[in-house]
Every structure is written in C-alpha cells, then in structure tokens.
Amino acid sequence: MIEVPVENKIYVEREYETLIEKPYDVIRENIINKDRIIDVNESQIEELLNQNPNLEVLPVFINYERKNKYVEKPIYIDNIIEK
C-alpha cells in the first residue's frame, strides 16, 4: 500500500468591500461684495460730491483710548559705565 497526499479544497465565502468612485458636482459659492463705503481724503470730498450729489458723507469718527498705568513699586537700575 502506497500513501499519496491528497489535497482538500474548501471554498469559504468571505466578506469583501469594493470601492466605487462616482463623480459628483462640486458646488462653490461665488460671493460678490459690493461695498457702498469708500475711504477718501478730505481734499477729495468736494470733488466727489460735485460728481454725484446723492452721495452721503458720514460723520468723522475718532476713537481715543487712554490707559493709565500705575507702578506701585518702581525699580531703579544704575547704569554705571566703568572706564
């Protein structure tokens, strides 16, 4: 009697994933801002008002901020230069 190896084939169902690439529309917003305020020099105001009398000149706004800084214990440093 001669022994011969025998191959056993077993088929097993395995789960698998497939990647499907589908084209899609890219939606981009095109935002357009139209500023209705322009910065001009004081010398240009009269010229612009003559060109377009419907222009409105906004009041001048100046914001001043004043901060006081108090030092409770000042530190004095002697800057002595030796020759």
C-alpha atoms as a PDB file:
ATOM      1  CA  MET A   1       0.000   0.000   0.000  1.00  0.00           C
ATOM      2  CA  ILE A   2       1.342   3.420  -1.022  1.00  0.00           C
ATOM      3  CA  GLU A   3       0.281   6.608   0.694  1.00  0.00           C
ATOM      4  CA  VAL A   4      -0.240   9.620  -1.511  1.00  0.00           C
ATOM      5  CA  PRO A   5      -1.066  13.092  -0.093  1.00  0.00           C
ATOM      6  CA  VAL A   6      -4.494  14.294  -1.066  1.00  0.00           C
ATOM      7  CA  GLU A   7      -5.414  17.992  -1.334  1.00  0.00           C
ATOM      8  CA  ASN A   8      -8.682  19.017   0.177  1.00  0.00           C
ATOM      9  CA  LYS A   9     -10.173  22.156  -1.361  1.00  0.00           C
ATOM     10  CA  ILE A  10     -12.642  24.011   0.779  1.00  0.00           C
ATOM     11  CA  TYR A  11     -14.431  27.078  -0.553  1.00  0.00           C
ATOM     12  CA  VAL A  12     -15.404  29.661   2.062  1.00  0.00           C
ATOM     13  CA  GLU A  13     -17.380  32.826   1.376  1.00  0.00           C
ATOM     14  CA  ARG A  14     -15.630  35.884   2.770  1.00  0.00           C
ATOM     15  CA  GLU A  15     -16.975  39.389   3.109  1.00  0.00           C
ATOM     16  CA  TYR A  16     -15.253  41.979   0.989  1.00  0.00           C
ATOM     17  CA  GLU A  17     -15.613  45.647   0.230  1.00  0.00           C
ATOM     18  CA  THR A  18     -15.419  47.317  -3.121  1.00  0.00           C
ATOM     19  CA  LEU A  19     -14.685  50.989  -3.648  1.00  0.00           C
ATOM     20  CA  ILE A  20     -16.932  52.635  -6.153  1.00  0.00           C
ATOM     21  CA  GLU A  21     -15.923  56.121  -7.206  1.00  0.00           C
ATOM     22  CA  LYS A  22     -18.822  58.137  -8.522  1.00  0.00           C
ATOM     23  CA  PRO A  23     -18.361  61.613  -9.945  1.00  0.00           C
ATOM     24  CA  TYR A  24     -20.260  64.350  -8.153  1.00  0.00           C
ATOM     25  CA  ASP A  25     -20.906  68.006  -8.776  1.00  0.00           C
ATOM     26  CA  VAL A  26     -18.797  70.407  -6.775  1.00  0.00           C
ATOM     27  CA  ILE A  27     -20.875  73.391  -5.741  1.00  0.00           C
ATOM     28  CA  ARG A  28     -18.912  76.520  -4.941  1.00  0.00           C
ATOM     29  CA  GLU A  29     -20.416  79.778  -3.872  1.00  0.00           C
ATOM     30  CA  ASN A  30     -19.293  82.814  -5.752  1.00  0.00           C
ATOM     31  CA  ILE A  31     -19.785  85.600  -3.243  1.00  0.00           C
ATOM     32  CA  ILE A  32     -19.520  89.112  -4.616  1.00  0.00           C
ATOM     33  CA  ASN A  33     -19.480  92.016  -2.187  1.00  0.00           C
ATOM     34  CA  LYS A  34     -20.184  95.500  -3.367  1.00  0.00           C
ATOM     35  CA  ASP A  35     -19.017  97.983  -0.790  1.00  0.00           C
ATOM     36  CA  ARG A  36     -21.017 101.143  -0.624  1.00  0.00           C
ATOM     37  CA  ILE A  37     -18.459 102.898   1.568  1.00  0.00           C
ATOM     38  CA  ILE A  38     -15.189 104.259   0.252  1.00  0.00           C
ATOM     39  CA  ASP A  39     -12.292 105.860   2.090  1.00  0.00           C
ATOM     40  CA  VAL A  40     -11.291 109.242   0.718  1.00  0.00           C
ATOM     41  CA  ASN A  41      -9.059 112.080   1.756  1.00  0.00           C
ATOM     42  CA  GLU A  42     -10.564 115.295   2.981  1.00  0.00           C
ATOM     43  CA  SER A  43      -9.472 117.037  -0.191  1.00  0.00           C
ATOM     44  CA  GLN A  44     -11.419 114.553  -2.365  1.00  0.00           C
ATOM     45  CA  ILE A  45     -14.806 115.018  -0.666  1.00  0.00           C
ATOM     46  CA  GLU A  46     -15.843 118.132  -2.565  1.00  0.00           C
ATOM     47  CA  GLU A  47     -14.786 116.644  -5.874  1.00  0.00           C
ATOM     48  CA  LEU A  48     -16.848 113.505  -5.297  1.00  0.00           C
ATOM     49  CA  LEU A  49     -19.888 115.474  -4.147  1.00  0.00           C
ATOM     50  CA  ASN A  50     -19.752 117.515  -7.346  1.00  0.00           C
ATOM     51  CA  GLN A  51     -19.661 114.346  -9.449  1.00  0.00           C
ATOM     52  CA  ASN A  52     -22.545 112.688  -7.617  1.00  0.00           C
ATOM     53  CA  PRO A  53     -24.793 114.884  -5.461  1.00  0.00           C
ATOM     54  CA  ASN A  54     -26.595 111.854  -3.980  1.00  0.00           C
ATOM     55  CA  LEU A  55     -23.547 110.823  -2.008  1.00  0.00           C
ATOM     56  CA  GLU A  56     -23.834 110.853   1.744  1.00  0.00           C
ATOM     57  CA  VAL A  57     -20.821 111.884   3.794  1.00  0.00           C
ATOM     58  CA  LEU A  58     -20.626 110.025   7.066  1.00  0.00           C
ATOM     59  CA  PRO A  59     -19.577 111.894  10.193  1.00  0.00           C
ATOM     60  CA  VAL A  60     -15.974 111.687  11.260  1.00  0.00           C
ATOM     61  CA  PHE A  61     -15.465 109.122  13.963  1.00  0.00           C
ATOM     62  CA  ILE A  62     -12.334 109.226  16.072  1.00  0.00           C
ATOM     63  CA  ASN A  63     -11.889 106.771  18.886  1.00  0.00           C
ATOM     64  CA  TYR A  64      -9.428 107.838  21.549  1.00  0.00           C
ATOM     65  CA  GLU A  65      -8.417 105.376  24.195  1.00  0.00           C
ATOM     66  CA  ARG A  66      -6.486 106.462  27.225  1.00  0.00           C
ATOM     67  CA  LYS A  67      -4.976 103.956  29.599  1.00  0.00           C
ATOM     68  CA  ASN A  68      -3.169 104.821  32.785  1.00  0.00           C
ATOM     69  CA  LYS A  69      -0.529 102.502  34.094  1.00  0.00           C
ATOM     70  CA  TYR A  70       0.421 102.820  37.728  1.00  0.00           C
ATOM     71  CA  VAL A  71       3.558 101.193  39.084  1.00  0.00           C
ATOM     72  CA  GLU A  72       3.298 100.511  42.784  1.00  0.00           C
ATOM     73  CA  LYS A  73       6.968  99.880  43.450  1.00  0.00           C
ATOM     74  CA  PRO A  74       9.326 101.318  40.846  1.00  0.00           C
ATOM     75  CA  ILE A  75      12.661  99.604  40.275  1.00  0.00           C
ATOM     76  CA  TYR A  76      15.692 101.809  39.735  1.00  0.00           C
ATOM     77  CA  ILE A  77      18.677 100.407  37.890  1.00  0.00           C
ATOM     78  CA  ASP A  78      22.013 102.220  37.994  1.00  0.00           C
ATOM     79  CA  ASN A  79      23.692 102.193  34.633  1.00  0.00           C
ATOM     80  CA  ILE A  80      27.292 102.810  35.585  1.00  0.00           C
ATOM     81  CA  ILE A  81      29.931 102.652  32.885  1.00  0.00           C
ATOM     82  CA  GLU A  82      33.413 101.998  34.172  1.00  0.00           C
ATOM     83  CA  LYS A  83      36.499 103.072  32.288  1.00  0.00           C
END
